[in-house]
Amino acid sequence: MFSSEYHCLDCGSTEAYRSRRRTFLEKYVYPILLLQPVRCASCYRRTNASVFTPARPREDRAVVPPHAA
């Protein structure tokens, strides 16, 4: 549970991003259990990992407004 490095179960990648908390469990129960949702940077599989597992911050995509013609 307190792994020092992330490993994807599908592709074996060690790169992960923090993922947005979506459900009631992810928002309120996982923090008590010291878990966080993460997404693999290679295959995009979403899993849970310890909060002590290093994961890059979530990359927010900038919303570009449509061009006025």
N, C-alpha and C. Protein backbone atom coordinates (compact mmCIF):
# COMPACT_ATOMS: atom_id res chain seq x y z
N MET A 1 0.82 -1.20 0.00
CA MET A 1 0.00 0.00 0.00
C MET A 1 0.86 1.25 0.00
N PHE A 2 1.98 1.25 0.68
CA PHE A 2 2.83 2.43 0.74
C PHE A 2 4.00 2.30 -0.22
N SER A 3 3.67 2.02 -1.46
CA SER A 3 4.69 1.83 -2.50
C SER A 3 5.43 3.14 -2.75
N SER A 4 6.72 3.04 -3.00
CA SER A 4 7.51 4.24 -3.24
C SER A 4 7.48 4.65 -4.71
N GLU A 5 7.07 3.75 -5.60
CA GLU A 5 7.02 4.06 -7.01
C GLU A 5 5.77 3.47 -7.65
N TYR A 6 5.15 4.22 -8.55
CA TYR A 6 3.94 3.76 -9.23
C TYR A 6 4.31 2.78 -10.34
N HIS A 7 3.53 1.73 -10.49
CA HIS A 7 3.67 0.78 -11.59
C HIS A 7 2.28 0.47 -12.13
N CYS A 8 2.06 0.75 -13.40
CA CYS A 8 0.77 0.47 -14.04
C CYS A 8 0.58 -1.04 -14.15
N LEU A 9 -0.63 -1.50 -13.84
CA LEU A 9 -0.93 -2.92 -13.91
C LEU A 9 -1.07 -3.42 -15.34
N ASP A 10 -1.39 -2.53 -16.30
CA ASP A 10 -1.55 -2.93 -17.69
C ASP A 10 -0.23 -2.90 -18.47
N CYS A 11 0.42 -1.74 -18.46
CA CYS A 11 1.60 -1.58 -19.32
C CYS A 11 2.93 -1.56 -18.57
N GLY A 12 2.89 -1.45 -17.24
CA GLY A 12 4.12 -1.45 -16.45
C GLY A 12 4.83 -0.11 -16.37
N SER A 13 4.21 0.94 -16.88
CA SER A 13 4.81 2.27 -16.84
C SER A 13 4.97 2.75 -15.40
N THR A 14 5.94 3.62 -15.18
CA THR A 14 6.16 4.18 -13.85
C THR A 14 5.74 5.65 -13.76
N GLU A 15 5.15 6.19 -14.82
CA GLU A 15 4.71 7.58 -14.84
C GLU A 15 3.21 7.65 -14.62
N ALA A 16 2.78 8.51 -13.68
CA ALA A 16 1.36 8.66 -13.38
C ALA A 16 1.01 10.12 -13.14
N TYR A 17 -0.23 10.45 -13.41
CA TYR A 17 -0.80 11.76 -13.12
C TYR A 17 -1.87 11.60 -12.07
N ARG A 18 -2.04 12.61 -11.22
CA ARG A 18 -3.18 12.60 -10.31
C ARG A 18 -4.44 12.76 -11.14
N SER A 19 -5.49 12.09 -10.75
CA SER A 19 -6.75 12.15 -11.46
C SER A 19 -7.78 12.87 -10.60
N ARG A 20 -8.77 13.43 -11.23
CA ARG A 20 -9.82 14.16 -10.51
C ARG A 20 -10.66 13.18 -9.70
N ARG A 21 -10.98 13.54 -8.46
CA ARG A 21 -11.84 12.71 -7.61
C ARG A 21 -13.27 12.87 -8.08
N ARG A 22 -13.95 11.76 -8.35
CA ARG A 22 -15.28 11.82 -8.94
C ARG A 22 -16.39 11.35 -8.03
N THR A 23 -16.25 10.21 -7.41
CA THR A 23 -17.35 9.62 -6.66
C THR A 23 -17.27 9.98 -5.17
N PHE A 24 -18.33 9.63 -4.46
CA PHE A 24 -18.36 9.85 -3.02
C PHE A 24 -17.18 9.15 -2.34
N LEU A 25 -16.91 7.90 -2.74
CA LEU A 25 -15.78 7.16 -2.15
C LEU A 25 -14.47 7.89 -2.37
N GLU A 26 -14.25 8.35 -3.60
CA GLU A 26 -12.98 9.02 -3.92
C GLU A 26 -12.84 10.35 -3.19
N LYS A 27 -13.94 11.04 -2.97
CA LYS A 27 -13.87 12.36 -2.33
C LYS A 27 -13.75 12.28 -0.80
N TYR A 28 -14.42 11.29 -0.18
CA TYR A 28 -14.51 11.29 1.27
C TYR A 28 -13.90 10.08 1.96
N VAL A 29 -13.91 8.92 1.33
CA VAL A 29 -13.41 7.71 1.98
C VAL A 29 -11.94 7.48 1.66
N TYR A 30 -11.55 7.63 0.40
CA TYR A 30 -10.16 7.39 0.03
C TYR A 30 -9.17 8.26 0.80
N PRO A 31 -9.44 9.55 1.04
CA PRO A 31 -8.50 10.34 1.84
C PRO A 31 -8.28 9.77 3.25
N ILE A 32 -9.32 9.20 3.84
CA ILE A 32 -9.17 8.58 5.16
C ILE A 32 -8.26 7.35 5.07
N LEU A 33 -8.36 6.63 3.94
CA LEU A 33 -7.54 5.44 3.71
C LEU A 33 -6.18 5.76 3.08
N LEU A 34 -5.91 7.06 2.93
CA LEU A 34 -4.66 7.55 2.33
C LEU A 34 -4.48 7.05 0.89
N LEU A 35 -5.57 7.10 0.12
CA LEU A 35 -5.53 6.72 -1.28
C LEU A 35 -5.89 7.91 -2.15
N GLN A 36 -5.40 7.89 -3.40
CA GLN A 36 -5.74 8.93 -4.37
C GLN A 36 -5.92 8.27 -5.74
N PRO A 37 -6.82 8.81 -6.57
CA PRO A 37 -6.95 8.28 -7.91
C PRO A 37 -5.81 8.79 -8.78
N VAL A 38 -5.22 7.91 -9.57
CA VAL A 38 -4.14 8.28 -10.49
C VAL A 38 -4.42 7.67 -11.86
N ARG A 39 -3.82 8.27 -12.89
CA ARG A 39 -3.98 7.80 -14.25
C ARG A 39 -2.60 7.57 -14.85
N CYS A 40 -2.43 6.43 -15.50
CA CYS A 40 -1.16 6.09 -16.14
C CYS A 40 -0.89 7.08 -17.28
N ALA A 41 0.33 7.56 -17.39
CA ALA A 41 0.69 8.51 -18.42
C ALA A 41 0.84 7.84 -19.79
N SER A 42 1.00 6.53 -19.82
CA SER A 42 1.21 5.83 -21.09
C SER A 42 -0.09 5.27 -21.67
N CYS A 43 -0.82 4.49 -20.86
CA CYS A 43 -2.02 3.82 -21.39
C CYS A 43 -3.31 4.43 -20.86
N TYR A 44 -3.22 5.40 -19.96
CA TYR A 44 -4.36 6.14 -19.41
C TYR A 44 -5.29 5.30 -18.53
N ARG A 45 -4.82 4.17 -18.03
CA ARG A 45 -5.62 3.37 -17.10
C ARG A 45 -5.75 4.14 -15.78
N ARG A 46 -6.94 4.18 -15.23
CA ARG A 46 -7.20 4.90 -13.99
C ARG A 46 -7.27 3.91 -12.86
N THR A 47 -6.44 4.12 -11.82
CA THR A 47 -6.40 3.24 -10.66
C THR A 47 -6.26 4.08 -9.40
N ASN A 48 -6.15 3.42 -8.27
CA ASN A 48 -5.92 4.09 -6.99
C ASN A 48 -4.54 3.76 -6.50
N ALA A 49 -3.91 4.73 -5.87
CA ALA A 49 -2.57 4.54 -5.33
C ALA A 49 -2.47 5.27 -4.00
N SER A 50 -1.47 4.93 -3.24
CA SER A 50 -1.23 5.59 -1.96
C SER A 50 -0.91 7.06 -2.20
N VAL A 51 -1.28 7.91 -1.25
CA VAL A 51 -0.96 9.34 -1.37
C VAL A 51 0.54 9.57 -1.29
N PHE A 52 1.29 8.57 -0.82
CA PHE A 52 2.74 8.70 -0.74
C PHE A 52 3.44 8.29 -2.04
N THR A 53 2.69 7.73 -2.98
CA THR A 53 3.24 7.36 -4.28
C THR A 53 3.38 8.62 -5.12
N PRO A 54 4.57 8.88 -5.65
CA PRO A 54 4.75 10.09 -6.45
C PRO A 54 3.93 10.04 -7.74
N ALA A 55 3.18 11.12 -7.98
CA ALA A 55 2.40 11.25 -9.20
C ALA A 55 2.44 12.72 -9.60
N ARG A 56 2.57 12.96 -10.90
CA ARG A 56 2.61 14.34 -11.38
C ARG A 56 1.26 15.02 -11.16
N PRO A 57 1.29 16.34 -11.01
CA PRO A 57 0.01 17.07 -10.87
C PRO A 57 -0.81 16.92 -12.14
N ARG A 58 -2.09 17.04 -11.98
CA ARG A 58 -3.01 16.94 -13.11
C ARG A 58 -2.78 18.10 -14.06
N GLU A 59 -2.75 17.82 -15.35
CA GLU A 59 -2.56 18.87 -16.35
C GLU A 59 -3.92 19.39 -16.78
N ASP A 60 -4.21 20.63 -16.41
CA ASP A 60 -5.47 21.24 -16.82
C ASP A 60 -5.31 21.77 -18.23
N ARG A 61 -6.24 21.40 -19.06
CA ARG A 61 -6.20 21.88 -20.44
C ARG A 61 -6.90 23.22 -20.51
N ALA A 62 -6.25 24.18 -21.13
CA ALA A 62 -6.83 25.50 -21.25
C ALA A 62 -8.00 25.45 -22.23
N VAL A 63 -9.08 26.10 -21.84
CA VAL A 63 -10.26 26.17 -22.72
C VAL A 63 -10.08 27.36 -23.63
N VAL A 64 -10.06 27.10 -24.92
CA VAL A 64 -9.88 28.16 -25.90
C VAL A 64 -11.25 28.57 -26.40
N PRO A 65 -11.61 29.85 -26.23
CA PRO A 65 -12.93 30.29 -26.71
C PRO A 65 -12.97 30.28 -28.23
N PRO A 66 -14.14 30.01 -28.80
CA PRO A 66 -14.25 30.01 -30.27
C PRO A 66 -13.99 31.40 -30.82
N HIS A 67 -13.40 31.43 -32.00
CA HIS A 67 -13.08 32.71 -32.63
C HIS A 67 -14.36 33.37 -33.15
N ALA A 68 -14.48 34.64 -32.86
CA ALA A 68 -15.65 35.40 -33.37
C ALA A 68 -15.39 35.74 -34.83
N ALA A 69 -16.33 35.43 -35.67
CA ALA A 69 -16.14 35.67 -37.11
C ALA A 69 -16.82 36.92 -37.56
